[in-house]
Amino acid sequence: EAMAGFNSKKLEALRQQNLSGFIFKSRSPSC
């Protein structure tokens, strides 16, 4: 539940950043 709440806020913040791509850490439970 805490991660879901974080995701909601963080995704809005990242929308403001105008990302052009994302590089994730492989096999991470979050990323």
PDB file of all heavy atoms in Angstrom:
ATOM      1  N   GLU A   1       0.833  -1.206   0.000  1.00  0.00           N
ATOM      2  CA  GLU A   1       0.000   0.000   0.000  1.00  0.00           C
ATOM      3  C   GLU A   1       0.869   1.257   0.000  1.00  0.00           C
ATOM      4  O   GLU A   1       0.576   2.232  -0.702  1.00  0.00           O
ATOM      5  CB  GLU A   1      -0.925  -0.007   1.213  1.00  0.00           C
ATOM      6  CG  GLU A   1      -1.941   1.134   1.212  1.00  0.00           C
ATOM      7  CD  GLU A   1      -2.941   1.030   2.349  1.00  0.00           C
ATOM      8  OE1 GLU A   1      -3.101  -0.081   2.904  1.00  0.00           O
ATOM      9  OE2 GLU A   1      -3.567   2.055   2.683  1.00  0.00           O
ATOM     10  N   ALA A   2       1.940   1.224   0.784  1.00  0.00           N
ATOM     11  CA  ALA A   2       2.839   2.377   0.834  1.00  0.00           C
ATOM     12  C   ALA A   2       3.497   2.612  -0.521  1.00  0.00           C
ATOM     13  O   ALA A   2       3.643   3.755  -0.969  1.00  0.00           O
ATOM     14  CB  ALA A   2       3.904   2.166   1.910  1.00  0.00           C
ATOM     15  N   MET A   3       3.886   1.533  -1.194  1.00  0.00           N
ATOM     16  CA  MET A   3       4.507   1.669  -2.514  1.00  0.00           C
ATOM     17  C   MET A   3       3.514   2.202  -3.533  1.00  0.00           C
ATOM     18  O   MET A   3       3.869   3.021  -4.394  1.00  0.00           O
ATOM     19  CB  MET A   3       5.064   0.320  -2.973  1.00  0.00           C
ATOM     20  CG  MET A   3       5.774   0.348  -4.327  1.00  0.00           C
ATOM     21  SD  MET A   3       7.220   1.448  -4.378  1.00  0.00           S
ATOM     22  CE  MET A   3       8.391   0.526  -3.376  1.00  0.00           C
ATOM     23  N   ALA A   4       2.269   1.768  -3.445  1.00  0.00           N
ATOM     24  CA  ALA A   4       1.244   2.259  -4.368  1.00  0.00           C
ATOM     25  C   ALA A   4       1.035   3.762  -4.185  1.00  0.00           C
ATOM     26  O   ALA A   4       0.892   4.512  -5.165  1.00  0.00           O
ATOM     27  CB  ALA A   4      -0.072   1.513  -4.142  1.00  0.00           C
ATOM     28  N   GLY A   5       1.032   4.217  -2.943  1.00  0.00           N
ATOM     29  CA  GLY A   5       0.891   5.644  -2.683  1.00  0.00           C
ATOM     30  C   GLY A   5       2.081   6.431  -3.202  1.00  0.00           C
ATOM     31  O   GLY A   5       1.930   7.503  -3.784  1.00  0.00           O
ATOM     32  N   PHE A   6       3.288   5.875  -3.002  1.00  0.00           N
ATOM     33  CA  PHE A   6       4.492   6.520  -3.525  1.00  0.00           C
ATOM     34  C   PHE A   6       4.439   6.607  -5.043  1.00  0.00           C
ATOM     35  O   PHE A   6       4.749   7.654  -5.634  1.00  0.00           O
ATOM     36  CB  PHE A   6       5.732   5.740  -3.097  1.00  0.00           C
ATOM     37  CG  PHE A   6       6.965   6.125  -3.872  1.00  0.00           C
ATOM     38  CD1 PHE A   6       7.691   7.254  -3.536  1.00  0.00           C
ATOM     39  CD2 PHE A   6       7.389   5.363  -4.959  1.00  0.00           C
ATOM     40  CE1 PHE A   6       8.819   7.623  -4.263  1.00  0.00           C
ATOM     41  CE2 PHE A   6       8.514   5.719  -5.682  1.00  0.00           C
ATOM     42  CZ  PHE A   6       9.229   6.855  -5.340  1.00  0.00           C
ATOM     43  N   ASN A   7       4.056   5.502  -5.694  1.00  0.00           N
ATOM     44  CA  ASN A   7       4.008   5.475  -7.160  1.00  0.00           C
ATOM     45  C   ASN A   7       3.121   6.578  -7.708  1.00  0.00           C
ATOM     46  O   ASN A   7       3.478   7.257  -8.683  1.00  0.00           O
ATOM     47  CB  ASN A   7       3.497   4.117  -7.642  1.00  0.00           C
ATOM     48  CG  ASN A   7       4.495   2.990  -7.426  1.00  0.00           C
ATOM     49  OD1 ASN A   7       5.681   3.247  -7.187  1.00  0.00           O
ATOM     50  ND2 ASN A   7       4.030   1.763  -7.495  1.00  0.00           N
ATOM     51  N   SER A   8       1.971   6.760  -7.105  1.00  0.00           N
ATOM     52  CA  SER A   8       1.028   7.766  -7.586  1.00  0.00           C
ATOM     53  C   SER A   8       1.650   9.158  -7.580  1.00  0.00           C
ATOM     54  O   SER A   8       1.549   9.913  -8.559  1.00  0.00           O
ATOM     55  CB  SER A   8      -0.233   7.731  -6.729  1.00  0.00           C
ATOM     56  OG  SER A   8      -1.156   8.713  -7.146  1.00  0.00           O
ATOM     57  N   LYS A   9       2.314   9.499  -6.478  1.00  0.00           N
ATOM     58  CA  LYS A   9       2.927  10.827  -6.362  1.00  0.00           C
ATOM     59  C   LYS A   9       4.159  10.952  -7.251  1.00  0.00           C
ATOM     60  O   LYS A   9       4.381  11.973  -7.906  1.00  0.00           O
ATOM     61  CB  LYS A   9       3.297  11.099  -4.903  1.00  0.00           C
ATOM     62  CG  LYS A   9       2.101  11.182  -3.967  1.00  0.00           C
ATOM     63  CD  LYS A   9       2.540  11.411  -2.533  1.00  0.00           C
ATOM     64  CE  LYS A   9       1.352  11.464  -1.595  1.00  0.00           C
ATOM     65  NZ  LYS A   9       1.775  11.630  -0.168  1.00  0.00           N
ATOM     66  N   LYS A  10       4.972   9.898  -7.291  1.00  0.00           N
ATOM     67  CA  LYS A  10       6.222   9.961  -8.043  1.00  0.00           C
ATOM     68  C   LYS A  10       5.967  10.045  -9.537  1.00  0.00           C
ATOM     69  O   LYS A  10       6.676  10.770 -10.264  1.00  0.00           O
ATOM     70  CB  LYS A  10       7.083   8.735  -7.735  1.00  0.00           C
ATOM     71  CG  LYS A  10       8.491   8.805  -8.329  1.00  0.00           C
ATOM     72  CD  LYS A  10       9.279   9.956  -7.725  1.00  0.00           C
ATOM     73  CE  LYS A  10      10.700  10.001  -8.251  1.00  0.00           C
ATOM     74  NZ  LYS A  10      11.480  11.098  -7.638  1.00  0.00           N
ATOM     75  N   LEU A  11       4.989   9.328 -10.037  1.00  0.00           N
ATOM     76  CA  LEU A  11       4.701   9.348 -11.465  1.00  0.00           C
ATOM     77  C   LEU A  11       4.245  10.731 -11.917  1.00  0.00           C
ATOM     78  O   LEU A  11       4.573  11.169 -13.020  1.00  0.00           O
ATOM     79  CB  LEU A  11       3.648   8.293 -11.810  1.00  0.00           C
ATOM     80  CG  LEU A  11       4.113   6.841 -11.650  1.00  0.00           C
ATOM     81  CD1 LEU A  11       2.969   5.891 -11.916  1.00  0.00           C
ATOM     82  CD2 LEU A  11       5.297   6.543 -12.559  1.00  0.00           C
ATOM     83  N   GLU A  12       3.501  11.413 -11.074  1.00  0.00           N
ATOM     84  CA  GLU A  12       3.097  12.784 -11.412  1.00  0.00           C
ATOM     85  C   GLU A  12       4.316  13.695 -11.447  1.00  0.00           C
ATOM     86  O   GLU A  12       4.447  14.547 -12.338  1.00  0.00           O
ATOM     87  CB  GLU A  12       2.075  13.295 -10.399  1.00  0.00           C
ATOM     88  CG  GLU A  12       1.684  14.753 -10.594  1.00  0.00           C
ATOM     89  CD  GLU A  12       1.138  15.073 -11.975  1.00  0.00           C
ATOM     90  OE1 GLU A  12       0.583  14.167 -12.633  1.00  0.00           O
ATOM     91  OE2 GLU A  12       1.279  16.244 -12.413  1.00  0.00           O
ATOM     92  N   ALA A  13       5.235  13.511 -10.490  1.00  0.00           N
ATOM     93  CA  ALA A  13       6.458  14.315 -10.466  1.00  0.00           C
ATOM     94  C   ALA A  13       7.305  14.037 -11.710  1.00  0.00           C
ATOM     95  O   ALA A  13       7.874  14.959 -12.305  1.00  0.00           O
ATOM     96  CB  ALA A  13       7.256  14.022  -9.204  1.00  0.00           C
ATOM     97  N   LEU A  14       7.380  12.781 -12.124  1.00  0.00           N
ATOM     98  CA  LEU A  14       8.164  12.428 -13.306  1.00  0.00           C
ATOM     99  C   LEU A  14       7.514  12.943 -14.580  1.00  0.00           C
ATOM    100  O   LEU A  14       8.203  13.240 -15.564  1.00  0.00           O
ATOM    101  CB  LEU A  14       8.347  10.910 -13.381  1.00  0.00           C
ATOM    102  CG  LEU A  14       9.266  10.307 -12.313  1.00  0.00           C
ATOM    103  CD1 LEU A  14       9.301   8.789 -12.445  1.00  0.00           C
ATOM    104  CD2 LEU A  14      10.672  10.880 -12.418  1.00  0.00           C
ATOM    105  N   ARG A  15       6.187  13.039 -14.589  1.00  0.00           N
ATOM    106  CA  ARG A  15       5.517  13.611 -15.759  1.00  0.00           C
ATOM    107  C   ARG A  15       5.989  15.041 -15.974  1.00  0.00           C
ATOM    108  O   ARG A  15       6.182  15.482 -17.112  1.00  0.00           O
ATOM    109  CB  ARG A  15       3.993  13.578 -15.567  1.00  0.00           C
ATOM    110  CG  ARG A  15       3.218  14.002 -16.816  1.00  0.00           C
ATOM    111  CD  ARG A  15       1.725  14.011 -16.554  1.00  0.00           C
ATOM    112  NE  ARG A  15       1.357  15.085 -15.650  1.00  0.00           N
ATOM    113  CZ  ARG A  15       1.182  16.356 -16.030  1.00  0.00           C
ATOM    114  NH1 ARG A  15       1.352  16.711 -17.297  1.00  0.00           N
ATOM    115  NH2 ARG A  15       0.842  17.280 -15.151  1.00  0.00           N
ATOM    116  N   GLN A  16       6.204  15.755 -14.882  1.00  0.00           N
ATOM    117  CA  GLN A  16       6.681  17.133 -14.979  1.00  0.00           C
ATOM    118  C   GLN A  16       8.130  17.203 -15.480  1.00  0.00           C
ATOM    119  O   GLN A  16       8.565  18.229 -15.996  1.00  0.00           O
ATOM    120  CB  GLN A  16       6.588  17.811 -13.603  1.00  0.00           C
ATOM    121  CG  GLN A  16       5.187  17.853 -13.001  1.00  0.00           C
ATOM    122  CD  GLN A  16       4.213  18.682 -13.823  1.00  0.00           C
ATOM    123  OE1 GLN A  16       4.617  19.640 -14.478  1.00  0.00           O
ATOM    124  NE2 GLN A  16       2.943  18.311 -13.797  1.00  0.00           N
ATOM    125  N   GLN A  17       8.853  16.106 -15.338  1.00  0.00           N
ATOM    126  CA  GLN A  17      10.251  16.069 -15.771  1.00  0.00           C
ATOM    127  C   GLN A  17      10.399  15.867 -17.282  1.00  0.00           C
ATOM    128  O   GLN A  17      11.472  16.051 -17.835  1.00  0.00           O
ATOM    129  CB  GLN A  17      10.996  14.935 -15.049  1.00  0.00           C
ATOM    130  CG  GLN A  17      11.227  15.169 -13.570  1.00  0.00           C
ATOM    131  CD  GLN A  17      12.411  16.078 -13.312  1.00  0.00           C
ATOM    132  OE1 GLN A  17      13.123  16.491 -14.205  1.00  0.00           O
ATOM    133  NE2 GLN A  17      12.627  16.388 -12.046  1.00  0.00           N
ATOM    134  N   ASN A  18       9.313  15.466 -17.950  1.00  0.00           N
ATOM    135  CA  ASN A  18       9.361  15.223 -19.401  1.00  0.00           C
ATOM    136  C   ASN A  18      10.443  14.216 -19.778  1.00  0.00           C
ATOM    137  O   ASN A  18      11.333  14.492 -20.590  1.00  0.00           O
ATOM    138  CB  ASN A  18       9.592  16.535 -20.164  1.00  0.00           C
ATOM    139  CG  ASN A  18       8.388  17.456 -20.102  1.00  0.00           C
ATOM    140  OD1 ASN A  18       7.284  17.018 -19.798  1.00  0.00           O
ATOM    141  ND2 ASN A  18       8.592  18.733 -20.368  1.00  0.00           N
ATOM    142  N   LEU A  19      10.361  13.045 -19.201  1.00  0.00           N
ATOM    143  CA  LEU A  19      11.335  11.997 -19.500  1.00  0.00           C
ATOM    144  C   LEU A  19      11.232  11.519 -20.943  1.00  0.00           C
ATOM    145  O   LEU A  19      10.149  11.511 -21.527  1.00  0.00           O
ATOM    146  CB  LEU A  19      11.139  10.805 -18.567  1.00  0.00           C
ATOM    147  CG  LEU A  19      11.325  11.028 -17.063  1.00  0.00           C
ATOM    148  CD1 LEU A  19      11.120   9.716 -16.319  1.00  0.00           C
ATOM    149  CD2 LEU A  19      12.691  11.607 -16.763  1.00  0.00           C
ATOM    150  N   SER A  20      12.371  11.094 -21.480  1.00  0.00           N
ATOM    151  CA  SER A  20      12.395  10.515 -22.825  1.00  0.00           C
ATOM    152  C   SER A  20      12.730   9.031 -22.803  1.00  0.00           C
ATOM    153  O   SER A  20      12.766   8.382 -23.850  1.00  0.00           O
ATOM    154  CB  SER A  20      13.419  11.247 -23.700  1.00  0.00           C
ATOM    155  OG  SER A  20      13.012  12.586 -23.934  1.00  0.00           O
ATOM    156  N   GLY A  21      12.977   8.479 -21.612  1.00  0.00           N
ATOM    157  CA  GLY A  21      13.281   7.061 -21.478  1.00  0.00           C
ATOM    158  C   GLY A  21      13.529   6.732 -20.022  1.00  0.00           C
ATOM    159  O   GLY A  21      13.575   7.620 -19.159  1.00  0.00           O
ATOM    160  N   PHE A  22      13.703   5.419 -19.741  1.00  0.00           N
ATOM    161  CA  PHE A  22      13.983   5.001 -18.368  1.00  0.00           C
ATOM    162  C   PHE A  22      14.846   3.745 -18.406  1.00  0.00           C
ATOM    163  O   PHE A  22      14.570   2.811 -19.151  1.00  0.00           O
ATOM    164  CB  PHE A  22      12.696   4.719 -17.592  1.00  0.00           C
ATOM    165  CG  PHE A  22      12.827   4.899 -16.107  1.00  0.00           C
ATOM    166  CD1 PHE A  22      12.276   6.001 -15.473  1.00  0.00           C
ATOM    167  CD2 PHE A  22      13.534   3.974 -15.334  1.00  0.00           C
ATOM    168  CE1 PHE A  22      12.419   6.186 -14.102  1.00  0.00           C
ATOM    169  CE2 PHE A  22      13.683   4.147 -13.974  1.00  0.00           C
ATOM    170  CZ  PHE A  22      13.126   5.252 -13.344  1.00  0.00           C
ATOM    171  N   ILE A  23      15.905   3.746 -17.568  1.00  0.00           N
ATOM    172  CA  ILE A  23      16.770   2.578 -17.421  1.00  0.00           C
ATOM    173  C   ILE A  23      16.555   2.024 -16.016  1.00  0.00           C
ATOM    174  O   ILE A  23      16.850   2.685 -15.017  1.00  0.00           O
ATOM    175  CB  ILE A  23      18.255   2.936 -17.626  1.00  0.00           C
ATOM    176  CG1 ILE A  23      18.465   3.561 -19.002  1.00  0.00           C
ATOM    177  CG2 ILE A  23      19.123   1.685 -17.468  1.00  0.00           C
ATOM    178  CD1 ILE A  23      19.881   4.056 -19.252  1.00  0.00           C
ATOM    179  N   PHE A  24      16.026   0.805 -15.939  1.00  0.00           N
ATOM    180  CA  PHE A  24      15.692   0.175 -14.667  1.00  0.00           C
ATOM    181  C   PHE A  24      16.797  -0.770 -14.187  1.00  0.00           C
ATOM    182  O   PHE A  24      17.565  -1.298 -14.985  1.00  0.00           O
ATOM    183  CB  PHE A  24      14.409  -0.657 -14.807  1.00  0.00           C
ATOM    184  CG  PHE A  24      13.151   0.133 -14.965  1.00  0.00           C
ATOM    185  CD1 PHE A  24      12.458   0.118 -16.163  1.00  0.00           C
ATOM    186  CD2 PHE A  24      12.641   0.862 -13.906  1.00  0.00           C
ATOM    187  CE1 PHE A  24      11.280   0.823 -16.309  1.00  0.00           C
ATOM    188  CE2 PHE A  24      11.452   1.574 -14.045  1.00  0.00           C
ATOM    189  CZ  PHE A  24      10.771   1.556 -15.249  1.00  0.00           C
ATOM    190  N   LYS A  25      16.799  -1.010 -12.866  1.00  0.00           N
ATOM    191  CA  LYS A  25      17.652  -2.057 -12.299  1.00  0.00           C
ATOM    192  C   LYS A  25      16.959  -3.385 -12.505  1.00  0.00           C
ATOM    193  O   LYS A  25      15.834  -3.594 -12.056  1.00  0.00           O
ATOM    194  CB  LYS A  25      17.877  -1.815 -10.794  1.00  0.00           C
ATOM    195  CG  LYS A  25      18.676  -2.932 -10.112  1.00  0.00           C
ATOM    196  CD  LYS A  25      20.089  -2.982 -10.626  1.00  0.00           C
ATOM    197  CE  LYS A  25      20.828  -4.213 -10.126  1.00  0.00           C
ATOM    198  NZ  LYS A  25      20.510  -5.434 -10.912  1.00  0.00           N
ATOM    199  N   SER A  26      17.627  -4.290 -13.168  1.00  0.00           N
ATOM    200  CA  SER A  26      17.035  -5.590 -13.484  1.00  0.00           C
ATOM    201  C   SER A  26      16.707  -6.391 -12.232  1.00  0.00           C
ATOM    202  O   SER A  26      17.402  -6.314 -11.220  1.00  0.00           O
ATOM    203  CB  SER A  26      18.005  -6.403 -14.354  1.00  0.00           C
ATOM    204  OG  SER A  26      19.212  -6.628 -13.652  1.00  0.00           O
ATOM    205  N   ARG A  27      15.592  -7.119 -12.307  1.00  0.00           N
ATOM    206  CA  ARG A  27      15.153  -8.077 -11.294  1.00  0.00           C
ATOM    207  C   ARG A  27      14.864  -7.467  -9.917  1.00  0.00           C
ATOM    208  O   ARG A  27      14.714  -8.195  -8.937  1.00  0.00           O
ATOM    209  CB  ARG A  27      16.151  -9.230 -11.167  1.00  0.00           C
ATOM    210  CG  ARG A  27      16.278 -10.065 -12.434  1.00  0.00           C
ATOM    211  CD  ARG A  27      17.059 -11.340 -12.190  1.00  0.00           C
ATOM    212  NE  ARG A  27      18.410 -11.064 -11.748  1.00  0.00           N
ATOM    213  CZ  ARG A  27      19.413 -10.761 -12.575  1.00  0.00           C
ATOM    214  NH1 ARG A  27      19.205 -10.726 -13.876  1.00  0.00           N
ATOM    215  NH2 ARG A  27      20.621 -10.527 -12.104  1.00  0.00           N
ATOM    216  N   SER A  28      14.801  -6.160  -9.822  1.00  0.00           N
ATOM    217  CA  SER A  28      14.491  -5.501  -8.551  1.00  0.00           C
ATOM    218  C   SER A  28      12.992  -5.615  -8.250  1.00  0.00           C
ATOM    219  O   SER A  28      12.168  -5.415  -9.145  1.00  0.00           O
ATOM    220  CB  SER A  28      14.883  -4.021  -8.620  1.00  0.00           C
ATOM    221  OG  SER A  28      14.233  -3.269  -7.622  1.00  0.00           O
ATOM    222  N   PRO A  29      12.616  -5.935  -7.000  1.00  0.00           N
ATOM    223  CA  PRO A  29      11.190  -6.015  -6.649  1.00  0.00           C
ATOM    224  C   PRO A  29      10.445  -4.705  -6.867  1.00  0.00           C
ATOM    225  O   PRO A  29       9.220  -4.709  -7.001  1.00  0.00           O
ATOM    226  CB  PRO A  29      11.213  -6.387  -5.158  1.00  0.00           C
ATOM    227  CG  PRO A  29      12.531  -7.052  -4.959  1.00  0.00           C
ATOM    228  CD  PRO A  29      13.473  -6.325  -5.866  1.00  0.00           C
ATOM    229  N   SER A  30      11.174  -3.596  -6.897  1.00  0.00           N
ATOM    230  CA  SER A  30      10.514  -2.317  -7.172  1.00  0.00           C
ATOM    231  C   SER A  30      10.755  -1.863  -8.602  1.00  0.00           C
ATOM    232  O   SER A  30       9.837  -1.373  -9.257  1.00  0.00           O
ATOM    233  CB  SER A  30      10.999  -1.230  -6.197  1.00  0.00           C
ATOM    234  OG  SER A  30      12.409  -1.109  -6.225  1.00  0.00           O
ATOM    235  N   CYS A  31      11.971  -2.043  -9.120  1.00  0.00           N
ATOM    236  CA  CYS A  31      12.329  -1.449 -10.412  1.00  0.00           C
ATOM    237  C   CYS A  31      12.472  -2.411 -11.584  1.00  0.00           C
ATOM    238  O   CYS A  31      12.634  -1.953 -12.724  1.00  0.00           O
ATOM    239  CB  CYS A  31      13.642  -0.675 -10.275  1.00  0.00           C
ATOM    240  SG  CYS A  31      13.485   0.880  -9.378  1.00  0.00           S
TER     241      CYS A  31
END
